[in-house]
Amino acid sequence: MKFYISFGQAHAHRVNGETLDCDCLAEIEVEDYQAARKQANELFDDKWSALYEESAFNLSFFPRGIIPIN
């Protein structure tokens, strides 16, 4: 399943040469919600905001769009 991670105003990260911040969503593909939370914590510690399932967000709030990271 695909999951999407959002970031707060003070949460900026570099992963695979991409900058992830409050203007985009990071896309990860894992088996379930708990695996998604685990990967988000491994990648970003506690510096992320929310975890969404597919189509459970309004993309207009993220002008840089979706950035796949795995």
N, C-alpha and C. Protein backbone atom coordinates (compact mmCIF):
# COMPACT_ATOMS: atom_id res chain seq x y z
N MET A 1 0.83 -1.18 0.00
CA MET A 1 0.00 0.00 0.00
C MET A 1 0.88 1.25 0.00
N LYS A 2 0.34 2.29 -0.57
CA LYS A 2 1.05 3.57 -0.55
C LYS A 2 0.52 4.43 0.59
N PHE A 3 1.47 5.09 1.26
CA PHE A 3 1.15 6.02 2.33
C PHE A 3 1.90 7.31 2.07
N TYR A 4 1.38 8.40 2.64
CA TYR A 4 1.93 9.73 2.38
C TYR A 4 2.21 10.43 3.70
N ILE A 5 3.38 11.02 3.80
CA ILE A 5 3.83 11.68 5.02
C ILE A 5 3.89 13.18 4.77
N SER A 6 3.31 13.95 5.68
CA SER A 6 3.42 15.40 5.58
C SER A 6 4.35 15.89 6.68
N PHE A 7 4.80 17.13 6.51
CA PHE A 7 5.80 17.72 7.41
C PHE A 7 5.33 19.07 7.90
N GLY A 8 5.74 19.44 9.11
CA GLY A 8 5.42 20.74 9.67
C GLY A 8 6.33 21.83 9.12
N GLN A 9 6.06 23.06 9.50
CA GLN A 9 6.82 24.22 9.01
C GLN A 9 8.31 24.10 9.31
N ALA A 10 8.68 23.53 10.44
CA ALA A 10 10.10 23.44 10.83
C ALA A 10 10.70 22.07 10.51
N HIS A 11 9.99 21.26 9.72
CA HIS A 11 10.46 19.92 9.39
C HIS A 11 10.95 19.88 7.95
N ALA A 12 12.25 19.98 7.74
CA ALA A 12 12.82 19.86 6.40
C ALA A 12 13.86 18.75 6.42
N HIS A 13 13.83 17.92 5.38
CA HIS A 13 14.72 16.76 5.30
C HIS A 13 15.26 16.63 3.89
N ARG A 14 16.42 15.99 3.76
CA ARG A 14 16.97 15.61 2.45
C ARG A 14 17.01 14.09 2.41
N VAL A 15 16.34 13.51 1.44
CA VAL A 15 16.33 12.06 1.25
C VAL A 15 16.51 11.78 -0.23
N ASN A 16 17.48 10.96 -0.55
CA ASN A 16 17.75 10.60 -1.95
C ASN A 16 17.89 11.83 -2.85
N GLY A 17 18.50 12.88 -2.33
CA GLY A 17 18.71 14.10 -3.10
C GLY A 17 17.49 14.99 -3.23
N GLU A 18 16.40 14.64 -2.59
CA GLU A 18 15.17 15.44 -2.63
C GLU A 18 14.98 16.16 -1.31
N THR A 19 14.49 17.38 -1.37
CA THR A 19 14.13 18.11 -0.16
C THR A 19 12.66 17.86 0.14
N LEU A 20 12.40 17.42 1.35
CA LEU A 20 11.04 17.17 1.81
C LEU A 20 10.70 18.20 2.87
N ASP A 21 9.57 18.88 2.69
CA ASP A 21 9.18 19.93 3.63
C ASP A 21 7.66 20.06 3.65
N CYS A 22 7.16 21.13 4.22
CA CYS A 22 5.72 21.31 4.39
C CYS A 22 4.97 21.51 3.09
N ASP A 23 5.67 21.70 1.98
CA ASP A 23 5.02 21.94 0.69
C ASP A 23 4.89 20.70 -0.17
N CYS A 24 5.23 19.53 0.39
CA CYS A 24 5.12 18.29 -0.38
C CYS A 24 4.72 17.14 0.53
N LEU A 25 4.42 16.02 -0.10
CA LEU A 25 4.16 14.78 0.62
C LEU A 25 5.22 13.77 0.21
N ALA A 26 5.74 13.03 1.16
CA ALA A 26 6.66 11.93 0.86
C ALA A 26 5.82 10.67 0.71
N GLU A 27 6.04 9.94 -0.38
CA GLU A 27 5.30 8.71 -0.63
C GLU A 27 6.17 7.51 -0.28
N ILE A 28 5.63 6.61 0.54
CA ILE A 28 6.32 5.36 0.84
C ILE A 28 5.37 4.21 0.51
N GLU A 29 5.94 3.06 0.18
CA GLU A 29 5.12 1.89 -0.11
C GLU A 29 5.52 0.78 0.84
N VAL A 30 4.59 0.39 1.69
CA VAL A 30 4.79 -0.65 2.70
C VAL A 30 3.51 -1.48 2.80
N GLU A 31 3.56 -2.52 3.66
CA GLU A 31 2.43 -3.44 3.71
C GLU A 31 1.21 -2.92 4.45
N ASP A 32 1.39 -2.10 5.50
CA ASP A 32 0.23 -1.62 6.26
C ASP A 32 0.56 -0.33 7.01
N TYR A 33 -0.45 0.19 7.72
CA TYR A 33 -0.33 1.46 8.42
C TYR A 33 0.78 1.44 9.47
N GLN A 34 0.87 0.37 10.23
CA GLN A 34 1.90 0.30 11.28
C GLN A 34 3.30 0.28 10.68
N ALA A 35 3.48 -0.42 9.57
CA ALA A 35 4.78 -0.41 8.90
C ALA A 35 5.10 0.98 8.36
N ALA A 36 4.07 1.71 7.93
CA ALA A 36 4.27 3.08 7.44
C ALA A 36 4.73 3.99 8.58
N ARG A 37 4.10 3.89 9.74
CA ARG A 37 4.51 4.69 10.91
C ARG A 37 5.94 4.35 11.31
N LYS A 38 6.28 3.07 11.29
CA LYS A 38 7.62 2.65 11.66
C LYS A 38 8.65 3.25 10.70
N GLN A 39 8.38 3.17 9.40
CA GLN A 39 9.33 3.71 8.42
C GLN A 39 9.42 5.23 8.54
N ALA A 40 8.31 5.91 8.76
CA ALA A 40 8.34 7.37 8.94
C ALA A 40 9.23 7.74 10.12
N ASN A 41 9.09 7.02 11.23
CA ASN A 41 9.92 7.29 12.40
C ASN A 41 11.39 6.98 12.15
N GLU A 42 11.67 5.92 11.40
CA GLU A 42 13.06 5.58 11.09
C GLU A 42 13.69 6.64 10.18
N LEU A 43 12.93 7.13 9.22
CA LEU A 43 13.45 8.11 8.28
C LEU A 43 13.55 9.52 8.86
N PHE A 44 12.53 9.91 9.64
CA PHE A 44 12.40 11.32 10.03
C PHE A 44 12.38 11.54 11.54
N ASP A 45 12.63 10.51 12.32
CA ASP A 45 12.57 10.60 13.78
C ASP A 45 11.18 11.12 14.15
N ASP A 46 11.09 12.18 14.93
CA ASP A 46 9.77 12.73 15.26
C ASP A 46 9.52 14.04 14.52
N LYS A 47 10.23 14.25 13.41
CA LYS A 47 10.12 15.50 12.65
C LYS A 47 9.26 15.32 11.41
N TRP A 48 8.04 14.82 11.61
CA TRP A 48 7.05 14.74 10.55
C TRP A 48 5.69 15.04 11.17
N SER A 49 4.71 15.30 10.35
CA SER A 49 3.44 15.78 10.88
C SER A 49 2.34 14.73 10.87
N ALA A 50 1.98 14.23 9.69
CA ALA A 50 0.84 13.31 9.59
C ALA A 50 1.12 12.22 8.57
N LEU A 51 0.39 11.13 8.72
CA LEU A 51 0.50 9.99 7.81
C LEU A 51 -0.87 9.76 7.19
N TYR A 52 -0.92 9.73 5.87
CA TYR A 52 -2.19 9.59 5.15
C TYR A 52 -2.19 8.32 4.32
N GLU A 53 -3.37 7.74 4.18
CA GLU A 53 -3.55 6.68 3.20
C GLU A 53 -3.88 7.33 1.87
N GLU A 54 -3.80 6.55 0.83
CA GLU A 54 -4.04 7.08 -0.52
C GLU A 54 -5.38 7.82 -0.59
N SER A 55 -5.36 8.97 -1.22
CA SER A 55 -6.51 9.84 -1.47
C SER A 55 -7.21 10.34 -0.20
N ALA A 56 -6.52 10.36 0.92
CA ALA A 56 -7.11 10.88 2.16
C ALA A 56 -6.57 12.27 2.48
N PHE A 57 -6.16 13.01 1.45
CA PHE A 57 -5.60 14.34 1.64
C PHE A 57 -5.99 15.22 0.47
N ASN A 58 -5.85 16.52 0.65
CA ASN A 58 -6.14 17.49 -0.40
C ASN A 58 -4.81 17.94 -0.98
N LEU A 59 -4.50 17.51 -2.18
CA LEU A 59 -3.19 17.80 -2.79
C LEU A 59 -2.97 19.30 -3.01
N SER A 60 -4.03 20.10 -3.04
CA SER A 60 -3.84 21.54 -3.24
C SER A 60 -3.10 22.19 -2.07
N PHE A 61 -3.06 21.52 -0.92
CA PHE A 61 -2.31 22.04 0.22
C PHE A 61 -0.81 21.77 0.11
N PHE A 62 -0.40 21.01 -0.90
CA PHE A 62 1.00 20.60 -1.07
C PHE A 62 1.46 20.97 -2.48
N PRO A 63 1.84 22.24 -2.70
CA PRO A 63 2.13 22.73 -4.05
C PRO A 63 3.28 22.02 -4.75
N ARG A 64 4.20 21.39 -4.03
CA ARG A 64 5.30 20.67 -4.66
C ARG A 64 4.93 19.23 -5.00
N GLY A 65 3.73 18.82 -4.60
CA GLY A 65 3.21 17.51 -4.97
C GLY A 65 3.73 16.37 -4.13
N ILE A 66 3.76 15.18 -4.75
CA ILE A 66 4.14 13.94 -4.09
C ILE A 66 5.53 13.55 -4.54
N ILE A 67 6.39 13.19 -3.59
CA ILE A 67 7.76 12.78 -3.89
C ILE A 67 7.96 11.36 -3.37
N PRO A 68 8.10 10.37 -4.27
CA PRO A 68 8.35 8.99 -3.83
C PRO A 68 9.75 8.88 -3.20
N ILE A 69 9.85 8.15 -2.09
CA ILE A 69 11.17 8.03 -1.45
C ILE A 69 11.64 6.58 -1.28
N ASN A 70 10.85 5.60 -1.72
CA ASN A 70 11.35 4.22 -1.69
C ASN A 70 10.84 3.44 -2.86
